[in-house]
Amino acid sequence: MAIYDITAPPLEPVSLDYAKVFLRVDNDDEDVLIGDLIRAAREQVETLINSALISRARRMTSARLSGSSVFLNHGEVKEITGARLIGGAADIEIPLSALSINLRCQPPLVRVKDRPSFQSYAAEADTLEIDFIAGFGDSADDVPMPLRQAVLLLLAQSYEYRGQANPPPTVPMMVDALLMPYRRVRL
């Protein structure tokens, strides 16, 4: 299963100006670098918590079609916008009305209502794609402060180790502590 962006986030959870104050950078010489480090830190936080910070369109692809349901291993899903089967000569759109969608379940559950499996829509299909909207909100203020703080700490670590031959150490303990309440564990 893979999850990726259909559209890029319209903004980052931490602005360039705020990041420069946090890093104590007074000039504009490294603005591009700092912007790239903000994006990388946001992506790392999103990967660690399996969730988008800023709301945007995302897509999940799965090659597991044997069952009638699939869990979207992703947090903060607001809406399912489409589902399709791909493979061979098939490119079959599954109507949303044919799906039972439970966004209150964590992780969210998508199930075929009246058929034994997803593959019953197209026998030659080998991939299921589900499009959805996910994120805490449309602005940086919608992202919880601990997650923005984690982005800043990862940014500071990357900025400190820039240009060095040795990569930065693992994720700092403080970042792990900030992310812990936002991680979802399935039992």
N, C-alpha and C. Protein backbone atom coordinates (compact mmCIF):
# COMPACT_ATOMS: atom_id res chain seq x y z
N MET A 1 0.85 -1.17 0.00
CA MET A 1 0.00 0.00 0.00
C MET A 1 0.89 1.23 0.00
N ALA A 2 0.54 2.20 -0.81
CA ALA A 2 1.29 3.45 -0.87
C ALA A 2 0.30 4.61 -0.83
N ILE A 3 0.70 5.69 -0.17
CA ILE A 3 -0.11 6.90 -0.11
C ILE A 3 0.76 8.05 -0.57
N TYR A 4 0.22 8.85 -1.48
CA TYR A 4 0.97 10.00 -1.99
C TYR A 4 0.02 11.15 -2.29
N ASP A 5 0.61 12.32 -2.50
CA ASP A 5 -0.18 13.53 -2.78
C ASP A 5 -0.66 13.56 -4.21
N ILE A 6 -1.92 13.96 -4.39
CA ILE A 6 -2.43 14.31 -5.72
C ILE A 6 -2.12 15.78 -5.96
N THR A 7 -2.35 16.58 -4.94
CA THR A 7 -2.00 18.00 -5.00
C THR A 7 -1.06 18.31 -3.84
N ALA A 8 -0.14 19.22 -4.09
CA ALA A 8 0.79 19.63 -3.04
C ALA A 8 0.06 20.50 -2.02
N PRO A 9 0.53 20.52 -0.78
CA PRO A 9 -0.12 21.42 0.19
C PRO A 9 0.05 22.87 -0.26
N PRO A 10 -0.98 23.68 -0.10
CA PRO A 10 -0.91 25.08 -0.56
C PRO A 10 0.08 25.92 0.25
N LEU A 11 0.41 25.47 1.45
CA LEU A 11 1.37 26.18 2.29
C LEU A 11 1.97 25.19 3.27
N GLU A 12 3.00 25.64 3.95
CA GLU A 12 3.65 24.79 4.95
C GLU A 12 3.10 25.14 6.34
N PRO A 13 3.19 24.21 7.30
CA PRO A 13 2.68 24.48 8.65
C PRO A 13 3.52 25.50 9.41
N VAL A 14 4.71 25.80 8.89
CA VAL A 14 5.61 26.78 9.50
C VAL A 14 6.04 27.73 8.39
N SER A 15 5.86 29.02 8.58
CA SER A 15 6.24 30.00 7.56
C SER A 15 7.75 30.19 7.54
N LEU A 16 8.25 30.68 6.43
CA LEU A 16 9.68 30.97 6.30
C LEU A 16 10.12 31.99 7.34
N ASP A 17 9.34 33.05 7.53
CA ASP A 17 9.70 34.09 8.50
C ASP A 17 9.77 33.53 9.92
N TYR A 18 8.80 32.70 10.28
CA TYR A 18 8.79 32.10 11.61
C TYR A 18 10.00 31.18 11.80
N ALA A 19 10.30 30.40 10.76
CA ALA A 19 11.44 29.48 10.82
C ALA A 19 12.75 30.25 10.98
N LYS A 20 12.88 31.37 10.27
CA LYS A 20 14.11 32.16 10.36
C LYS A 20 14.27 32.75 11.76
N VAL A 21 13.19 33.17 12.39
CA VAL A 21 13.26 33.65 13.77
C VAL A 21 13.69 32.50 14.69
N PHE A 22 13.09 31.33 14.50
CA PHE A 22 13.42 30.16 15.32
C PHE A 22 14.89 29.79 15.17
N LEU A 23 15.41 29.87 13.93
CA LEU A 23 16.80 29.52 13.66
C LEU A 23 17.78 30.66 13.95
N ARG A 24 17.24 31.83 14.23
CA ARG A 24 18.05 33.04 14.46
C ARG A 24 18.87 33.41 13.23
N VAL A 25 18.20 33.39 12.08
CA VAL A 25 18.82 33.78 10.81
C VAL A 25 18.30 35.16 10.46
N ASP A 26 19.22 36.12 10.25
CA ASP A 26 18.83 37.50 10.00
C ASP A 26 18.87 37.91 8.54
N ASN A 27 19.48 37.12 7.67
CA ASN A 27 19.60 37.53 6.27
C ASN A 27 18.74 36.64 5.38
N ASP A 28 18.70 36.98 4.10
CA ASP A 28 17.88 36.23 3.14
C ASP A 28 18.71 35.27 2.29
N ASP A 29 19.98 35.11 2.61
CA ASP A 29 20.88 34.31 1.78
C ASP A 29 20.48 32.84 1.69
N GLU A 30 19.89 32.31 2.74
CA GLU A 30 19.57 30.88 2.77
C GLU A 30 18.07 30.60 2.76
N ASP A 31 17.28 31.53 2.24
CA ASP A 31 15.83 31.35 2.22
C ASP A 31 15.40 30.10 1.45
N VAL A 32 16.03 29.84 0.31
CA VAL A 32 15.66 28.66 -0.48
C VAL A 32 15.99 27.39 0.30
N LEU A 33 17.17 27.35 0.89
CA LEU A 33 17.57 26.19 1.70
C LEU A 33 16.60 25.98 2.86
N ILE A 34 16.29 27.04 3.58
CA ILE A 34 15.39 26.92 4.73
C ILE A 34 14.00 26.47 4.27
N GLY A 35 13.52 26.98 3.15
CA GLY A 35 12.23 26.54 2.61
C GLY A 35 12.24 25.05 2.29
N ASP A 36 13.32 24.57 1.69
CA ASP A 36 13.44 23.14 1.39
C ASP A 36 13.50 22.30 2.66
N LEU A 37 14.19 22.81 3.68
CA LEU A 37 14.28 22.08 4.96
C LEU A 37 12.94 22.05 5.68
N ILE A 38 12.15 23.13 5.55
CA ILE A 38 10.80 23.13 6.14
C ILE A 38 9.96 22.03 5.48
N ARG A 39 10.01 21.98 4.14
CA ARG A 39 9.24 20.96 3.42
C ARG A 39 9.68 19.55 3.83
N ALA A 40 10.99 19.33 3.91
CA ALA A 40 11.50 18.01 4.30
C ALA A 40 11.09 17.65 5.73
N ALA A 41 11.12 18.61 6.64
CA ALA A 41 10.71 18.35 8.02
C ALA A 41 9.21 18.03 8.08
N ARG A 42 8.39 18.78 7.33
CA ARG A 42 6.96 18.49 7.29
C ARG A 42 6.70 17.09 6.76
N GLU A 43 7.38 16.72 5.68
CA GLU A 43 7.21 15.38 5.11
C GLU A 43 7.62 14.29 6.11
N GLN A 44 8.68 14.54 6.87
CA GLN A 44 9.12 13.57 7.86
C GLN A 44 8.08 13.42 8.97
N VAL A 45 7.53 14.52 9.44
CA VAL A 45 6.49 14.46 10.47
C VAL A 45 5.26 13.72 9.93
N GLU A 46 4.86 14.03 8.71
CA GLU A 46 3.69 13.35 8.12
C GLU A 46 3.92 11.86 8.00
N THR A 47 5.12 11.46 7.65
CA THR A 47 5.45 10.03 7.54
C THR A 47 5.41 9.36 8.92
N LEU A 48 5.93 10.04 9.92
CA LEU A 48 5.98 9.45 11.26
C LEU A 48 4.59 9.29 11.88
N ILE A 49 3.65 10.16 11.53
CA ILE A 49 2.30 10.05 12.13
C ILE A 49 1.26 9.53 11.13
N ASN A 50 1.66 9.21 9.90
CA ASN A 50 0.73 8.72 8.86
C ASN A 50 -0.47 9.64 8.70
N SER A 51 -0.19 10.91 8.54
CA SER A 51 -1.26 11.89 8.39
C SER A 51 -0.73 13.11 7.65
N ALA A 52 -1.62 13.82 6.97
CA ALA A 52 -1.27 15.09 6.33
C ALA A 52 -1.47 16.20 7.35
N LEU A 53 -0.59 17.18 7.36
CA LEU A 53 -0.75 18.31 8.28
C LEU A 53 -1.71 19.34 7.69
N ILE A 54 -1.41 19.81 6.49
CA ILE A 54 -2.27 20.77 5.79
C ILE A 54 -3.19 19.99 4.85
N SER A 55 -4.49 20.30 4.85
CA SER A 55 -5.47 19.54 4.05
C SER A 55 -5.15 19.61 2.57
N ARG A 56 -5.25 18.44 1.93
CA ARG A 56 -5.03 18.35 0.49
C ARG A 56 -5.52 17.00 -0.02
N ALA A 57 -5.56 16.88 -1.35
CA ALA A 57 -5.99 15.64 -1.98
C ALA A 57 -4.84 14.64 -1.98
N ARG A 58 -5.15 13.41 -1.59
CA ARG A 58 -4.15 12.34 -1.55
C ARG A 58 -4.73 11.10 -2.22
N ARG A 59 -3.87 10.14 -2.51
CA ARG A 59 -4.30 8.89 -3.15
C ARG A 59 -3.61 7.72 -2.47
N MET A 60 -4.41 6.68 -2.20
CA MET A 60 -3.89 5.43 -1.68
C MET A 60 -4.00 4.40 -2.79
N THR A 61 -2.93 3.65 -3.02
CA THR A 61 -2.97 2.54 -3.97
C THR A 61 -2.69 1.25 -3.22
N SER A 62 -3.41 0.19 -3.59
CA SER A 62 -3.23 -1.09 -2.92
C SER A 62 -3.38 -2.20 -3.95
N ALA A 63 -2.53 -3.19 -3.87
CA ALA A 63 -2.62 -4.34 -4.76
C ALA A 63 -3.42 -5.47 -4.11
N ARG A 64 -3.89 -5.26 -2.91
CA ARG A 64 -4.68 -6.28 -2.20
C ARG A 64 -6.16 -6.10 -2.54
N LEU A 65 -6.67 -6.95 -3.41
CA LEU A 65 -8.06 -6.83 -3.85
C LEU A 65 -8.92 -8.00 -3.43
N SER A 66 -8.41 -8.90 -2.64
CA SER A 66 -9.13 -10.14 -2.33
C SER A 66 -10.34 -9.92 -1.42
N GLY A 67 -10.35 -8.89 -0.62
CA GLY A 67 -11.44 -8.70 0.32
C GLY A 67 -12.44 -7.65 -0.13
N SER A 68 -13.45 -7.46 0.70
CA SER A 68 -14.49 -6.47 0.39
C SER A 68 -14.26 -5.15 1.11
N SER A 69 -13.17 -5.06 1.89
CA SER A 69 -12.90 -3.82 2.61
C SER A 69 -11.41 -3.54 2.65
N VAL A 70 -11.11 -2.26 2.86
CA VAL A 70 -9.72 -1.85 2.96
C VAL A 70 -9.64 -0.72 3.99
N PHE A 71 -8.62 -0.77 4.81
CA PHE A 71 -8.36 0.31 5.75
C PHE A 71 -7.43 1.32 5.09
N LEU A 72 -7.76 2.60 5.21
CA LEU A 72 -6.87 3.66 4.76
C LEU A 72 -5.93 3.94 5.93
N ASN A 73 -4.71 3.50 5.84
CA ASN A 73 -3.77 3.69 6.95
C ASN A 73 -3.28 5.14 6.95
N HIS A 74 -4.19 6.02 7.30
CA HIS A 74 -3.92 7.46 7.24
C HIS A 74 -4.83 8.16 8.24
N GLY A 75 -4.29 9.20 8.88
CA GLY A 75 -5.09 9.95 9.83
C GLY A 75 -5.69 11.19 9.23
N GLU A 76 -6.64 11.74 9.93
CA GLU A 76 -7.30 13.01 9.59
C GLU A 76 -7.93 12.99 8.21
N VAL A 77 -8.55 11.87 7.83
CA VAL A 77 -9.26 11.78 6.56
C VAL A 77 -10.60 12.49 6.71
N LYS A 78 -10.85 13.47 5.85
CA LYS A 78 -12.07 14.28 5.91
C LYS A 78 -13.15 13.75 4.98
N GLU A 79 -12.71 13.19 3.82
CA GLU A 79 -13.69 12.82 2.80
C GLU A 79 -13.04 11.88 1.79
N ILE A 80 -13.80 10.89 1.33
CA ILE A 80 -13.38 10.03 0.22
C ILE A 80 -13.97 10.65 -1.05
N THR A 81 -13.13 10.89 -2.04
CA THR A 81 -13.59 11.58 -3.25
C THR A 81 -13.68 10.69 -4.48
N GLY A 82 -13.09 9.49 -4.41
CA GLY A 82 -13.16 8.61 -5.57
C GLY A 82 -12.51 7.27 -5.29
N ALA A 83 -12.92 6.27 -6.07
CA ALA A 83 -12.32 4.94 -5.97
C ALA A 83 -12.34 4.32 -7.36
N ARG A 84 -11.27 3.65 -7.71
CA ARG A 84 -11.20 3.02 -9.03
C ARG A 84 -10.30 1.80 -8.98
N LEU A 85 -10.54 0.91 -9.93
CA LEU A 85 -9.70 -0.28 -10.12
C LEU A 85 -8.92 -0.10 -11.41
N ILE A 86 -7.64 -0.44 -11.37
CA ILE A 86 -6.75 -0.26 -12.51
C ILE A 86 -6.05 -1.58 -12.78
N GLY A 87 -5.80 -1.87 -14.03
CA GLY A 87 -5.02 -3.05 -14.39
C GLY A 87 -5.53 -3.69 -15.65
N GLY A 88 -4.61 -4.25 -16.42
CA GLY A 88 -4.98 -4.85 -17.70
C GLY A 88 -5.64 -3.80 -18.57
N ALA A 89 -6.78 -4.13 -19.12
CA ALA A 89 -7.54 -3.17 -19.93
C ALA A 89 -8.55 -2.42 -19.07
N ALA A 90 -8.55 -2.73 -17.78
CA ALA A 90 -9.57 -2.16 -16.89
C ALA A 90 -9.13 -0.83 -16.32
N ASP A 91 -10.05 0.06 -16.28
CA ASP A 91 -9.94 1.33 -15.54
C ASP A 91 -11.37 1.64 -15.13
N ILE A 92 -11.81 0.99 -14.06
CA ILE A 92 -13.21 1.00 -13.65
C ILE A 92 -13.38 1.94 -12.45
N GLU A 93 -14.23 2.93 -12.62
CA GLU A 93 -14.58 3.85 -11.53
C GLU A 93 -15.65 3.16 -10.67
N ILE A 94 -15.41 3.11 -9.38
CA ILE A 94 -16.40 2.54 -8.45
C ILE A 94 -17.21 3.70 -7.90
N PRO A 95 -18.52 3.69 -8.10
CA PRO A 95 -19.33 4.80 -7.58
C PRO A 95 -19.26 4.86 -6.05
N LEU A 96 -19.18 6.07 -5.52
CA LEU A 96 -19.13 6.23 -4.07
C LEU A 96 -20.38 5.67 -3.41
N SER A 97 -21.50 5.68 -4.13
CA SER A 97 -22.74 5.13 -3.57
C SER A 97 -22.65 3.62 -3.38
N ALA A 98 -21.70 2.95 -4.04
CA ALA A 98 -21.53 1.51 -3.89
C ALA A 98 -20.59 1.16 -2.74
N LEU A 99 -20.10 2.19 -2.04
CA LEU A 99 -19.15 1.97 -0.95
C LEU A 99 -19.76 2.37 0.38
N SER A 100 -19.40 1.63 1.40
CA SER A 100 -19.71 2.02 2.77
C SER A 100 -18.43 2.62 3.33
N ILE A 101 -18.50 3.89 3.74
CA ILE A 101 -17.30 4.61 4.17
C ILE A 101 -17.47 4.99 5.64
N ASN A 102 -16.53 4.54 6.47
CA ASN A 102 -16.56 4.86 7.90
C ASN A 102 -15.31 5.68 8.24
N LEU A 103 -15.48 7.00 8.31
CA LEU A 103 -14.36 7.88 8.64
C LEU A 103 -14.14 8.00 10.14
N ARG A 104 -15.11 7.56 10.95
CA ARG A 104 -14.95 7.60 12.41
C ARG A 104 -14.04 6.49 12.89
N CYS A 105 -13.98 5.41 12.14
CA CYS A 105 -13.09 4.30 12.45
C CYS A 105 -11.64 4.78 12.27
N GLN A 106 -10.75 4.35 13.13
CA GLN A 106 -9.33 4.71 12.99
C GLN A 106 -8.50 3.46 12.83
N PRO A 107 -7.90 3.21 11.69
CA PRO A 107 -7.93 4.03 10.48
C PRO A 107 -9.27 3.90 9.76
N PRO A 108 -9.59 4.87 8.89
CA PRO A 108 -10.87 4.84 8.17
C PRO A 108 -11.02 3.55 7.34
N LEU A 109 -12.27 3.10 7.24
CA LEU A 109 -12.59 1.85 6.56
C LEU A 109 -13.46 2.13 5.35
N VAL A 110 -13.09 1.54 4.21
CA VAL A 110 -13.87 1.62 2.98
C VAL A 110 -14.25 0.20 2.60
N ARG A 111 -15.55 -0.03 2.41
CA ARG A 111 -16.06 -1.38 2.14
C ARG A 111 -17.03 -1.37 0.96
N VAL A 112 -16.98 -2.41 0.14
CA VAL A 112 -17.93 -2.58 -0.95
C VAL A 112 -19.24 -3.05 -0.33
N LYS A 113 -20.36 -2.38 -0.70
CA LYS A 113 -21.65 -2.71 -0.07
C LYS A 113 -22.24 -4.03 -0.57
N ASP A 114 -22.46 -4.16 -1.86
CA ASP A 114 -23.28 -5.26 -2.38
C ASP A 114 -22.52 -6.28 -3.21
N ARG A 115 -21.24 -6.36 -3.06
CA ARG A 115 -20.45 -7.33 -3.83
C ARG A 115 -19.49 -8.05 -2.89
N PRO A 116 -19.04 -9.24 -3.29
CA PRO A 116 -18.16 -10.01 -2.40
C PRO A 116 -16.76 -9.41 -2.25
N SER A 117 -16.30 -8.65 -3.25
CA SER A 117 -14.95 -8.07 -3.15
C SER A 117 -14.81 -6.91 -4.13
N PHE A 118 -13.74 -6.16 -3.97
CA PHE A 118 -13.43 -5.10 -4.92
C PHE A 118 -13.19 -5.69 -6.31
N GLN A 119 -12.56 -6.86 -6.37
CA GLN A 119 -12.20 -7.45 -7.64
C GLN A 119 -13.43 -7.89 -8.44
N SER A 120 -14.59 -8.01 -7.80
CA SER A 120 -15.79 -8.40 -8.54
C SER A 120 -16.22 -7.31 -9.52
N TYR A 121 -15.69 -6.09 -9.38
CA TYR A 121 -15.97 -5.03 -10.35
C TYR A 121 -15.22 -5.25 -11.65
N ALA A 122 -14.02 -5.79 -11.58
CA ALA A 122 -13.22 -6.05 -12.77
C ALA A 122 -12.21 -7.14 -12.45
N ALA A 123 -12.40 -8.31 -13.02
CA ALA A 123 -11.56 -9.46 -12.69
C ALA A 123 -10.10 -9.25 -13.08
N GLU A 124 -9.85 -8.48 -14.14
CA GLU A 124 -8.46 -8.29 -14.59
C GLU A 124 -7.74 -7.16 -13.85
N ALA A 125 -8.44 -6.45 -12.98
CA ALA A 125 -7.81 -5.35 -12.24
C ALA A 125 -6.83 -5.90 -11.21
N ASP A 126 -5.74 -5.14 -11.00
CA ASP A 126 -4.75 -5.57 -10.02
C ASP A 126 -4.41 -4.49 -9.00
N THR A 127 -4.98 -3.30 -9.14
CA THR A 127 -4.68 -2.20 -8.22
C THR A 127 -5.95 -1.43 -7.88
N LEU A 128 -6.12 -1.15 -6.61
CA LEU A 128 -7.21 -0.31 -6.13
C LEU A 128 -6.64 1.06 -5.81
N GLU A 129 -7.30 2.11 -6.29
CA GLU A 129 -6.92 3.48 -5.95
C GLU A 129 -8.09 4.14 -5.24
N ILE A 130 -7.79 4.79 -4.12
CA ILE A 130 -8.81 5.54 -3.39
C ILE A 130 -8.29 6.96 -3.21
N ASP A 131 -9.06 7.93 -3.68
CA ASP A 131 -8.71 9.34 -3.53
C ASP A 131 -9.45 9.90 -2.33
N PHE A 132 -8.77 10.75 -1.57
CA PHE A 132 -9.38 11.31 -0.37
C PHE A 132 -8.77 12.66 -0.04
N ILE A 133 -9.47 13.40 0.81
CA ILE A 133 -8.98 14.67 1.35
C ILE A 133 -8.58 14.40 2.80
N ALA A 134 -7.36 14.80 3.15
CA ALA A 134 -6.89 14.57 4.51
C ALA A 134 -6.06 15.76 4.99
N GLY A 135 -6.07 15.98 6.29
CA GLY A 135 -5.28 17.03 6.90
C GLY A 135 -6.01 17.63 8.08
N PHE A 136 -5.29 18.40 8.88
CA PHE A 136 -5.88 19.03 10.05
C PHE A 136 -6.69 20.27 9.69
N GLY A 137 -6.39 20.90 8.54
CA GLY A 137 -7.10 22.09 8.12
C GLY A 137 -6.37 22.78 6.99
N ASP A 138 -6.93 23.91 6.55
CA ASP A 138 -6.40 24.63 5.40
C ASP A 138 -5.33 25.65 5.74
N SER A 139 -5.14 25.95 7.02
CA SER A 139 -4.15 26.96 7.39
C SER A 139 -3.18 26.37 8.42
N ALA A 140 -2.06 27.03 8.58
CA ALA A 140 -1.06 26.57 9.55
C ALA A 140 -1.62 26.59 10.97
N ASP A 141 -2.52 27.52 11.26
CA ASP A 141 -3.11 27.60 12.60
C ASP A 141 -3.98 26.39 12.93
N ASP A 142 -4.44 25.65 11.91
CA ASP A 142 -5.24 24.45 12.13
C ASP A 142 -4.41 23.26 12.58
N VAL A 143 -3.11 23.31 12.32
CA VAL A 143 -2.20 22.23 12.69
C VAL A 143 -1.88 22.38 14.18
N PRO A 144 -2.05 21.31 14.96
CA PRO A 144 -1.76 21.41 16.40
C PRO A 144 -0.33 21.88 16.66
N MET A 145 -0.17 22.70 17.68
CA MET A 145 1.13 23.28 18.01
C MET A 145 2.22 22.23 18.22
N PRO A 146 1.95 21.08 18.88
CA PRO A 146 3.04 20.09 19.03
C PRO A 146 3.59 19.60 17.68
N LEU A 147 2.74 19.50 16.67
CA LEU A 147 3.21 19.06 15.36
C LEU A 147 4.02 20.15 14.67
N ARG A 148 3.62 21.40 14.82
CA ARG A 148 4.41 22.50 14.27
C ARG A 148 5.76 22.60 14.99
N GLN A 149 5.75 22.36 16.30
CA GLN A 149 7.00 22.38 17.06
C GLN A 149 7.92 21.25 16.61
N ALA A 150 7.37 20.08 16.31
CA ALA A 150 8.17 18.96 15.81
C ALA A 150 8.81 19.33 14.46
N VAL A 151 8.05 20.00 13.59
CA VAL A 151 8.60 20.45 12.31
C VAL A 151 9.77 21.40 12.56
N LEU A 152 9.60 22.34 13.49
CA LEU A 152 10.68 23.30 13.79
C LEU A 152 11.93 22.60 14.34
N LEU A 153 11.74 21.61 15.21
CA LEU A 153 12.89 20.91 15.79
C LEU A 153 13.64 20.10 14.73
N LEU A 154 12.90 19.45 13.83
CA LEU A 154 13.55 18.71 12.75
C LEU A 154 14.25 19.67 11.78
N LEU A 155 13.62 20.81 11.54
CA LEU A 155 14.23 21.85 10.70
C LEU A 155 15.55 22.31 11.33
N ALA A 156 15.54 22.59 12.62
CA ALA A 156 16.74 23.05 13.30
C ALA A 156 17.85 22.00 13.24
N GLN A 157 17.48 20.75 13.40
CA GLN A 157 18.47 19.67 13.32
C GLN A 157 19.08 19.61 11.91
N SER A 158 18.26 19.67 10.89
CA SER A 158 18.76 19.63 9.52
C SER A 158 19.61 20.85 9.20
N TYR A 159 19.19 22.00 9.69
CA TYR A 159 19.94 23.23 9.44
C TYR A 159 21.31 23.18 10.13
N GLU A 160 21.33 22.63 11.32
CA GLU A 160 22.58 22.54 12.08
C GLU A 160 23.58 21.60 11.39
N TYR A 161 23.09 20.51 10.79
CA TYR A 161 23.96 19.52 10.18
C TYR A 161 24.13 19.72 8.67
N ARG A 162 23.66 20.83 8.11
CA ARG A 162 23.77 21.06 6.67
C ARG A 162 25.25 21.10 6.28
N GLY A 163 25.54 20.53 5.13
CA GLY A 163 26.89 20.58 4.60
C GLY A 163 27.90 19.68 5.28
N GLN A 164 27.49 18.93 6.28
CA GLN A 164 28.42 18.03 6.96
C GLN A 164 28.39 16.65 6.32
N ALA A 165 29.51 15.97 6.33
CA ALA A 165 29.60 14.65 5.72
C ALA A 165 28.78 13.62 6.49
N ASN A 166 28.74 13.75 7.81
CA ASN A 166 27.96 12.81 8.63
C ASN A 166 26.51 13.24 8.65
N PRO A 167 25.59 12.30 8.39
CA PRO A 167 24.16 12.66 8.45
C PRO A 167 23.75 12.98 9.87
N PRO A 168 22.64 13.70 10.03
CA PRO A 168 22.18 14.00 11.38
C PRO A 168 21.79 12.72 12.12
N PRO A 169 21.84 12.76 13.44
CA PRO A 169 21.43 11.58 14.20
C PRO A 169 19.94 11.29 13.98
N THR A 170 19.47 10.24 14.59
CA THR A 170 18.07 9.85 14.45
C THR A 170 17.14 10.96 14.94
N VAL A 171 15.84 10.72 14.82
CA VAL A 171 14.84 11.69 15.26
C VAL A 171 15.05 11.99 16.74
N PRO A 172 15.17 13.26 17.10
CA PRO A 172 15.40 13.62 18.51
C PRO A 172 14.27 13.12 19.42
N MET A 173 14.62 12.80 20.66
CA MET A 173 13.64 12.30 21.62
C MET A 173 12.50 13.29 21.82
N MET A 174 12.80 14.58 21.80
CA MET A 174 11.75 15.59 21.99
C MET A 174 10.72 15.52 20.86
N VAL A 175 11.19 15.28 19.64
CA VAL A 175 10.26 15.15 18.50
C VAL A 175 9.40 13.91 18.69
N ASP A 176 9.99 12.78 19.09
CA ASP A 176 9.21 11.57 19.37
C ASP A 176 8.14 11.84 20.42
N ALA A 177 8.51 12.57 21.47
CA ALA A 177 7.54 12.88 22.53
C ALA A 177 6.41 13.76 22.01
N LEU A 178 6.72 14.73 21.17
CA LEU A 178 5.69 15.61 20.61
C LEU A 178 4.74 14.85 19.68
N LEU A 179 5.27 13.87 18.95
CA LEU A 179 4.46 13.13 17.98
C LEU A 179 3.67 11.98 18.59
N MET A 180 4.07 11.51 19.76
CA MET A 180 3.46 10.32 20.36
C MET A 180 1.93 10.36 20.41
N PRO A 181 1.30 11.46 20.84
CA PRO A 181 -0.18 11.44 20.90
C PRO A 181 -0.85 11.38 19.52
N TYR A 182 -0.12 11.63 18.45
CA TYR A 182 -0.69 11.67 17.11
C TYR A 182 -0.42 10.40 16.32
N ARG A 183 0.33 9.49 16.89
CA ARG A 183 0.60 8.23 16.22
C ARG A 183 -0.56 7.26 16.50
N ARG A 184 -0.94 6.56 15.45
CA ARG A 184 -2.03 5.59 15.59
C ARG A 184 -1.43 4.18 15.55
N VAL A 185 -1.79 3.39 16.53
CA VAL A 185 -1.30 2.03 16.63
C VAL A 185 -2.48 1.10 16.48
N ARG A 186 -2.37 0.16 15.52
CA ARG A 186 -3.42 -0.85 15.36
C ARG A 186 -3.03 -2.10 16.12
N LEU A 187 -3.97 -2.62 16.84
CA LEU A 187 -3.72 -3.85 17.61
C LEU A 187 -4.28 -5.04 16.88
